[in-house]
Amino acid sequence: MSKKKSILTLSHSAIKQIKSIMSENKSSIGLRIFVTTKGCSGLSYSMEYVSKKEDLDEEVNQDGIRLFIDPKAIMFIIGTKMDYKDSNLESGFLFINPNEKGKCGCGESFHV
């Protein structure tokens, strides 16, 4: 019997950061992850607060975090690990995606 591949998993630092930002937005139940057309490689990860689950969203629950994955994004991000990095030069969420075939030079977009 094969184990079902997770759509998205969160690192400890991503969980901590999401809990922090969600504590500032009490009207939201979670974050929606979606993919947009952007940049030189074609696709970019995006997030937004959500107040309700859409009918076709896939829900990911991890350590009290609710993420809603847009159905059009699933084929692009299945198996991805979401991390959060904070350094002197920049901070932000990182998506470690085994499906990526390449990224643009600035890291803003990717292609599969």
Protein backbone atom coordinates (compact mmCIF):
# COMPACT_ATOMS: atom_id res chain seq x y z
CA MET A 1 0.00 0.00 0.00
CA SER A 2 1.51 3.34 -1.03
CA LYS A 3 1.46 6.35 1.22
CA LYS A 4 -0.43 9.36 -0.15
CA LYS A 5 1.94 12.21 -0.97
CA SER A 6 1.18 15.33 1.05
CA ILE A 7 0.21 18.38 -0.97
CA LEU A 8 2.17 20.73 1.29
CA THR A 9 4.05 20.45 4.58
CA LEU A 10 5.27 23.19 6.88
CA SER A 11 8.62 23.59 8.61
CA HIS A 12 8.75 24.55 12.28
CA SER A 13 9.78 28.13 11.39
CA ALA A 14 6.90 28.45 8.88
CA ILE A 15 4.42 27.26 11.51
CA LYS A 16 5.76 29.78 14.01
CA GLN A 17 5.54 32.66 11.50
CA ILE A 18 2.06 31.74 10.27
CA LYS A 19 0.79 31.54 13.86
CA SER A 20 2.27 34.98 14.48
CA ILE A 21 0.65 36.61 11.45
CA MET A 22 -2.65 34.82 12.01
CA SER A 23 -2.79 36.16 15.59
CA GLU A 24 -2.91 39.65 14.06
CA ASN A 25 -5.85 38.81 11.78
CA LYS A 26 -8.65 37.37 13.93
CA SER A 27 -11.25 37.42 11.13
CA SER A 28 -9.37 34.80 9.06
CA ILE A 29 -9.55 31.05 9.48
CA GLY A 30 -6.36 30.36 7.54
CA LEU A 31 -4.31 31.12 4.45
CA ARG A 32 -5.00 30.21 0.83
CA ILE A 33 -2.01 29.16 -1.26
CA PHE A 34 -2.30 29.66 -5.01
CA VAL A 35 -0.09 29.99 -8.05
CA THR A 36 -0.19 32.99 -10.38
CA THR A 37 1.37 33.69 -13.76
CA LYS A 38 4.27 36.02 -13.08
CA GLY A 39 7.97 36.64 -13.67
CA CYS A 40 10.36 35.34 -16.28
CA SER A 41 9.90 31.66 -15.41
CA GLY A 42 6.12 31.78 -15.56
CA LEU A 43 4.67 30.90 -12.13
CA SER A 44 4.77 32.47 -8.68
CA TYR A 45 3.49 31.39 -5.25
CA SER A 46 0.91 33.64 -3.62
CA MET A 47 -0.98 33.66 -0.32
CA GLU A 48 -3.98 35.45 1.05
CA TYR A 49 -6.03 35.42 4.24
CA VAL A 50 -9.33 33.55 3.96
CA SER A 51 -12.48 33.76 6.01
CA LYS A 52 -14.08 30.61 4.55
CA LYS A 53 -13.08 27.50 2.64
CA GLU A 54 -14.02 27.49 -1.03
CA ASP A 55 -15.84 24.38 -2.29
CA LEU A 56 -12.93 22.90 -4.26
CA ASP A 57 -10.05 23.95 -1.97
CA GLU A 58 -7.87 21.18 -0.56
CA GLU A 59 -7.36 21.77 3.15
CA VAL A 60 -4.03 21.08 4.83
CA ASN A 61 -3.97 21.05 8.64
CA GLN A 62 -0.67 20.98 10.47
CA ASP A 63 -0.03 21.96 14.11
CA GLY A 64 -3.18 24.08 14.29
CA ILE A 65 -2.52 25.84 10.97
CA ARG A 66 -5.18 25.69 8.27
CA LEU A 67 -3.99 26.13 4.70
CA PHE A 68 -6.36 26.07 1.76
CA ILE A 69 -4.82 25.04 -1.54
CA ASP A 70 -6.42 26.40 -4.68
CA PRO A 71 -7.40 23.42 -6.88
CA LYS A 72 -5.57 24.93 -9.89
CA ALA A 73 -2.33 25.04 -7.85
CA ILE A 74 -2.30 21.43 -6.64
CA MET A 75 -0.56 19.95 -9.68
CA PHE A 76 2.21 22.55 -9.38
CA ILE A 77 2.90 22.25 -5.64
CA ILE A 78 2.18 18.67 -4.57
CA GLY A 79 4.96 17.49 -2.26
CA THR A 80 6.21 21.03 -1.51
CA LYS A 81 7.65 22.05 1.85
CA MET A 82 6.96 25.60 2.99
CA ASP A 83 9.68 27.20 5.13
CA TYR A 84 10.32 30.64 6.60
CA LYS A 85 13.72 32.33 6.64
CA ASP A 86 14.66 35.51 8.47
CA SER A 87 18.08 37.09 7.93
CA ASN A 88 19.68 40.53 8.02
CA LEU A 89 19.07 41.02 4.31
CA GLU A 90 15.62 39.51 3.80
CA SER A 91 12.85 37.51 5.32
CA GLY A 92 10.00 35.55 3.83
CA PHE A 93 8.40 32.24 3.05
CA LEU A 94 10.29 29.77 0.87
CA PHE A 95 8.73 26.97 -1.12
CA ILE A 96 10.93 23.90 -1.56
CA ASN A 97 9.19 22.24 -4.47
CA PRO A 98 10.38 18.90 -5.89
CA ASN A 99 8.39 19.59 -9.07
CA GLU A 100 10.32 22.72 -10.05
CA LYS A 101 12.43 22.41 -13.17
CA GLY A 102 13.91 25.89 -12.80
CA LYS A 103 13.66 29.37 -11.28
CA CYS A 104 14.35 32.83 -12.59
CA GLY A 105 17.55 34.53 -11.44
CA CYS A 106 15.85 36.68 -8.80
CA GLY A 107 13.88 33.72 -7.40
CA GLU A 108 10.51 35.40 -7.94
CA SER A 109 9.11 32.79 -10.28
CA PHE A 110 9.49 29.12 -11.22
CA HIS A 111 8.44 26.59 -13.85
CA VAL A 112 7.57 22.90 -13.69
